[in-house]
Amino acid sequence: MFTIDLTLKNTPFPVSVQRKSAEEAEVVYKQILEAMRSGNPDIVELTCDRQGEKKVAIRASEISGVQMSQKDSAAAGKTPGFFSLAEST
């Protein structure tokens, strides 16, 4: 399972959607990057593969960052994102 996390301006928590395959996740990641670069479409609508009823619409101009990561059993319990603290041993 792959997770795409969106960091939004003035919002402390990321918005996340999931895709089952790397190819599908890459398509969503590129769609978001294109929307950020061009401002078109004005609204980015996303759904989640894991929770089909989960839908979100975000104004492209409010997206400040996007991250794609793979969720596996080794990463269970870790907070996704670039802002995660280093693991303690």
N, C-alpha and C. Protein backbone atom coordinates (compact mmCIF):
# COMPACT_ATOMS: atom_id res chain seq x y z
N MET A 1 0.85 -1.17 0.00
CA MET A 1 0.00 0.00 0.00
C MET A 1 0.91 1.23 0.00
N PHE A 2 0.55 2.21 -0.81
CA PHE A 2 1.32 3.45 -0.92
C PHE A 2 0.47 4.61 -0.42
N THR A 3 1.09 5.50 0.32
CA THR A 3 0.40 6.66 0.88
C THR A 3 0.92 7.93 0.24
N ILE A 4 0.00 8.81 -0.15
CA ILE A 4 0.35 10.12 -0.67
C ILE A 4 -0.12 11.13 0.38
N ASP A 5 0.83 11.83 0.99
CA ASP A 5 0.54 12.83 2.02
C ASP A 5 0.65 14.23 1.41
N LEU A 6 -0.36 15.04 1.66
CA LEU A 6 -0.35 16.43 1.21
C LEU A 6 -0.20 17.33 2.42
N THR A 7 0.75 18.23 2.37
CA THR A 7 0.91 19.25 3.39
C THR A 7 0.21 20.50 2.89
N LEU A 8 -0.69 21.03 3.71
CA LEU A 8 -1.46 22.21 3.31
C LEU A 8 -1.00 23.43 4.10
N LYS A 9 -1.09 24.58 3.49
CA LYS A 9 -0.73 25.83 4.15
C LYS A 9 -1.64 26.04 5.36
N ASN A 10 -1.07 26.49 6.45
CA ASN A 10 -1.79 26.82 7.68
C ASN A 10 -2.59 25.65 8.26
N THR A 11 -2.15 24.42 7.97
CA THR A 11 -2.80 23.23 8.51
C THR A 11 -1.72 22.34 9.10
N PRO A 12 -1.82 22.00 10.39
CA PRO A 12 -0.75 21.25 11.04
C PRO A 12 -0.68 19.77 10.67
N PHE A 13 -1.76 19.19 10.14
CA PHE A 13 -1.78 17.77 9.86
C PHE A 13 -1.89 17.51 8.36
N PRO A 14 -1.19 16.48 7.87
CA PRO A 14 -1.28 16.19 6.44
C PRO A 14 -2.61 15.54 6.08
N VAL A 15 -2.99 15.67 4.83
CA VAL A 15 -4.13 14.96 4.26
C VAL A 15 -3.53 13.79 3.51
N SER A 16 -4.05 12.58 3.72
CA SER A 16 -3.46 11.39 3.11
C SER A 16 -4.50 10.58 2.35
N VAL A 17 -4.07 10.03 1.23
CA VAL A 17 -4.85 9.04 0.50
C VAL A 17 -3.92 7.88 0.18
N GLN A 18 -4.50 6.72 -0.07
CA GLN A 18 -3.69 5.53 -0.32
C GLN A 18 -4.01 4.92 -1.68
N ARG A 19 -2.99 4.31 -2.26
CA ARG A 19 -3.13 3.57 -3.51
C ARG A 19 -2.52 2.19 -3.31
N LYS A 20 -3.08 1.21 -4.01
CA LYS A 20 -2.64 -0.17 -3.86
C LYS A 20 -1.31 -0.46 -4.55
N SER A 21 -1.04 0.21 -5.67
CA SER A 21 0.19 -0.08 -6.42
C SER A 21 1.05 1.17 -6.57
N ALA A 22 2.33 0.92 -6.84
CA ALA A 22 3.27 2.02 -7.03
C ALA A 22 2.88 2.85 -8.26
N GLU A 23 2.39 2.19 -9.30
CA GLU A 23 2.02 2.90 -10.53
C GLU A 23 0.85 3.85 -10.28
N GLU A 24 -0.17 3.38 -9.56
CA GLU A 24 -1.32 4.23 -9.25
C GLU A 24 -0.91 5.40 -8.36
N ALA A 25 -0.05 5.14 -7.38
CA ALA A 25 0.43 6.19 -6.48
C ALA A 25 1.22 7.23 -7.25
N GLU A 26 2.04 6.78 -8.20
CA GLU A 26 2.84 7.70 -9.01
C GLU A 26 1.95 8.61 -9.85
N VAL A 27 0.85 8.07 -10.38
CA VAL A 27 -0.08 8.87 -11.17
C VAL A 27 -0.68 9.99 -10.31
N VAL A 28 -1.10 9.65 -9.09
CA VAL A 28 -1.68 10.66 -8.19
C VAL A 28 -0.63 11.70 -7.82
N TYR A 29 0.58 11.24 -7.50
CA TYR A 29 1.67 12.14 -7.14
C TYR A 29 1.93 13.15 -8.25
N LYS A 30 2.00 12.66 -9.50
CA LYS A 30 2.26 13.54 -10.64
C LYS A 30 1.08 14.48 -10.89
N GLN A 31 -0.14 14.00 -10.67
CA GLN A 31 -1.33 14.84 -10.82
C GLN A 31 -1.27 16.01 -9.85
N ILE A 32 -0.87 15.74 -8.62
CA ILE A 32 -0.79 16.78 -7.60
C ILE A 32 0.34 17.76 -7.93
N LEU A 33 1.49 17.25 -8.36
CA LEU A 33 2.60 18.13 -8.74
C LEU A 33 2.19 19.06 -9.88
N GLU A 34 1.52 18.52 -10.88
CA GLU A 34 1.08 19.34 -12.01
C GLU A 34 0.10 20.42 -11.56
N ALA A 35 -0.82 20.05 -10.66
CA ALA A 35 -1.77 21.04 -10.15
C ALA A 35 -1.05 22.13 -9.37
N MET A 36 -0.03 21.76 -8.60
CA MET A 36 0.74 22.75 -7.84
C MET A 36 1.50 23.69 -8.77
N ARG A 37 2.07 23.16 -9.83
CA ARG A 37 2.85 23.96 -10.76
C ARG A 37 1.99 24.92 -11.57
N SER A 38 0.88 24.43 -12.06
CA SER A 38 0.09 25.21 -13.00
C SER A 38 -1.08 25.96 -12.37
N GLY A 39 -1.54 25.49 -11.23
CA GLY A 39 -2.74 26.07 -10.65
C GLY A 39 -4.01 25.54 -11.30
N ASN A 40 -3.85 24.64 -12.27
CA ASN A 40 -5.00 24.01 -12.93
C ASN A 40 -4.93 22.51 -12.72
N PRO A 41 -5.93 21.85 -12.31
CA PRO A 41 -7.22 22.41 -11.97
C PRO A 41 -7.13 23.19 -10.66
N ASP A 42 -8.07 24.08 -10.46
CA ASP A 42 -8.10 24.88 -9.24
C ASP A 42 -8.35 23.98 -8.02
N ILE A 43 -9.20 22.99 -8.20
CA ILE A 43 -9.54 22.06 -7.13
C ILE A 43 -9.03 20.67 -7.51
N VAL A 44 -8.32 20.02 -6.59
CA VAL A 44 -7.85 18.65 -6.79
C VAL A 44 -8.75 17.75 -5.96
N GLU A 45 -9.40 16.80 -6.62
CA GLU A 45 -10.27 15.86 -5.93
C GLU A 45 -9.58 14.50 -5.86
N LEU A 46 -9.55 13.92 -4.67
CA LEU A 46 -8.89 12.63 -4.47
C LEU A 46 -9.80 11.69 -3.69
N THR A 47 -9.64 10.40 -3.97
CA THR A 47 -10.31 9.35 -3.20
C THR A 47 -9.24 8.42 -2.67
N CYS A 48 -9.62 7.58 -1.75
CA CYS A 48 -8.68 6.66 -1.12
C CYS A 48 -9.02 5.23 -1.50
N ASP A 49 -8.03 4.46 -1.94
CA ASP A 49 -8.26 3.05 -2.29
C ASP A 49 -8.62 2.21 -1.07
N ARG A 50 -8.00 2.50 0.04
CA ARG A 50 -8.23 1.69 1.25
C ARG A 50 -9.61 1.95 1.83
N GLN A 51 -10.02 3.20 1.88
CA GLN A 51 -11.34 3.58 2.38
C GLN A 51 -12.08 4.28 1.24
N GLY A 52 -12.85 3.51 0.48
CA GLY A 52 -13.51 4.02 -0.71
C GLY A 52 -14.42 5.20 -0.46
N GLU A 53 -14.97 5.29 0.73
CA GLU A 53 -15.87 6.40 1.06
C GLU A 53 -15.11 7.68 1.42
N LYS A 54 -13.80 7.59 1.56
CA LYS A 54 -12.98 8.75 1.92
C LYS A 54 -12.69 9.57 0.66
N LYS A 55 -13.19 10.80 0.64
CA LYS A 55 -12.98 11.71 -0.48
C LYS A 55 -12.53 13.05 0.06
N VAL A 56 -11.73 13.75 -0.73
CA VAL A 56 -11.26 15.06 -0.32
C VAL A 56 -11.10 15.94 -1.56
N ALA A 57 -11.45 17.20 -1.42
CA ALA A 57 -11.25 18.20 -2.47
C ALA A 57 -10.41 19.32 -1.86
N ILE A 58 -9.31 19.65 -2.53
CA ILE A 58 -8.36 20.62 -2.00
C ILE A 58 -8.04 21.65 -3.07
N ARG A 59 -8.00 22.91 -2.68
CA ARG A 59 -7.60 23.96 -3.61
C ARG A 59 -6.10 23.80 -3.88
N ALA A 60 -5.71 23.68 -5.13
CA ALA A 60 -4.32 23.43 -5.51
C ALA A 60 -3.37 24.49 -4.95
N SER A 61 -3.82 25.72 -4.87
CA SER A 61 -2.97 26.80 -4.37
C SER A 61 -2.67 26.67 -2.88
N GLU A 62 -3.39 25.82 -2.16
CA GLU A 62 -3.17 25.63 -0.72
C GLU A 62 -2.22 24.47 -0.41
N ILE A 63 -1.83 23.71 -1.43
CA ILE A 63 -0.92 22.59 -1.23
C ILE A 63 0.51 23.13 -1.18
N SER A 64 1.21 22.86 -0.08
CA SER A 64 2.58 23.34 0.03
C SER A 64 3.60 22.21 -0.14
N GLY A 65 3.15 20.96 -0.07
CA GLY A 65 4.07 19.85 -0.26
C GLY A 65 3.32 18.55 -0.48
N VAL A 66 4.00 17.61 -1.13
CA VAL A 66 3.41 16.29 -1.38
C VAL A 66 4.51 15.25 -1.18
N GLN A 67 4.14 14.13 -0.59
CA GLN A 67 5.09 13.06 -0.33
C GLN A 67 4.43 11.73 -0.63
N MET A 68 5.16 10.84 -1.27
CA MET A 68 4.68 9.49 -1.54
C MET A 68 5.56 8.52 -0.78
N SER A 69 4.95 7.57 -0.07
CA SER A 69 5.73 6.59 0.67
C SER A 69 5.02 5.25 0.65
N GLN A 70 5.80 4.20 0.86
CA GLN A 70 5.24 2.85 0.89
C GLN A 70 4.98 2.46 2.32
N LYS A 71 3.79 1.94 2.56
CA LYS A 71 3.44 1.49 3.89
C LYS A 71 3.66 -0.02 3.94
N ASP A 72 4.54 -0.45 4.81
CA ASP A 72 4.75 -1.88 4.99
C ASP A 72 4.80 -2.20 6.46
N SER A 73 4.91 -3.46 6.80
CA SER A 73 4.88 -3.86 8.21
C SER A 73 6.06 -3.31 8.99
N ALA A 74 7.19 -3.10 8.33
CA ALA A 74 8.37 -2.56 9.01
C ALA A 74 8.16 -1.11 9.41
N ALA A 75 7.30 -0.40 8.69
CA ALA A 75 7.06 1.01 8.97
C ALA A 75 5.87 1.22 9.89
N ALA A 76 5.22 0.16 10.33
CA ALA A 76 4.04 0.29 11.19
C ALA A 76 4.38 1.06 12.45
N GLY A 77 3.54 2.01 12.78
CA GLY A 77 3.75 2.80 13.99
C GLY A 77 4.59 4.04 13.78
N LYS A 78 5.22 4.18 12.64
CA LYS A 78 6.03 5.36 12.36
C LYS A 78 5.13 6.44 11.79
N THR A 79 5.40 7.67 12.17
CA THR A 79 4.66 8.79 11.63
C THR A 79 5.19 9.14 10.26
N PRO A 80 4.32 9.21 9.22
CA PRO A 80 4.81 9.55 7.90
C PRO A 80 5.18 11.02 7.82
N GLY A 81 6.02 11.36 6.87
CA GLY A 81 6.32 12.76 6.61
C GLY A 81 7.76 13.11 6.82
N PHE A 82 8.12 14.26 6.28
CA PHE A 82 9.48 14.75 6.41
C PHE A 82 9.73 15.33 7.79
N PHE A 83 8.67 15.62 8.53
CA PHE A 83 8.81 16.26 9.81
C PHE A 83 8.87 15.29 10.97
N SER A 84 8.98 13.98 10.68
CA SER A 84 9.03 12.97 11.72
C SER A 84 10.34 13.11 12.50
N LEU A 85 10.27 12.81 13.77
CA LEU A 85 11.47 12.83 14.60
C LEU A 85 12.25 11.55 14.37
N ALA A 86 13.55 11.61 14.58
CA ALA A 86 14.39 10.43 14.40
C ALA A 86 13.99 9.37 15.43
N GLU A 87 14.13 8.12 15.03
CA GLU A 87 13.80 7.02 15.93
C GLU A 87 14.80 6.97 17.07
N SER A 88 14.29 6.60 18.24
CA SER A 88 15.19 6.41 19.37
C SER A 88 15.47 4.92 19.49
N THR A 89 16.68 4.58 19.87
CA THR A 89 17.05 3.16 19.98
C THR A 89 17.12 2.70 21.41
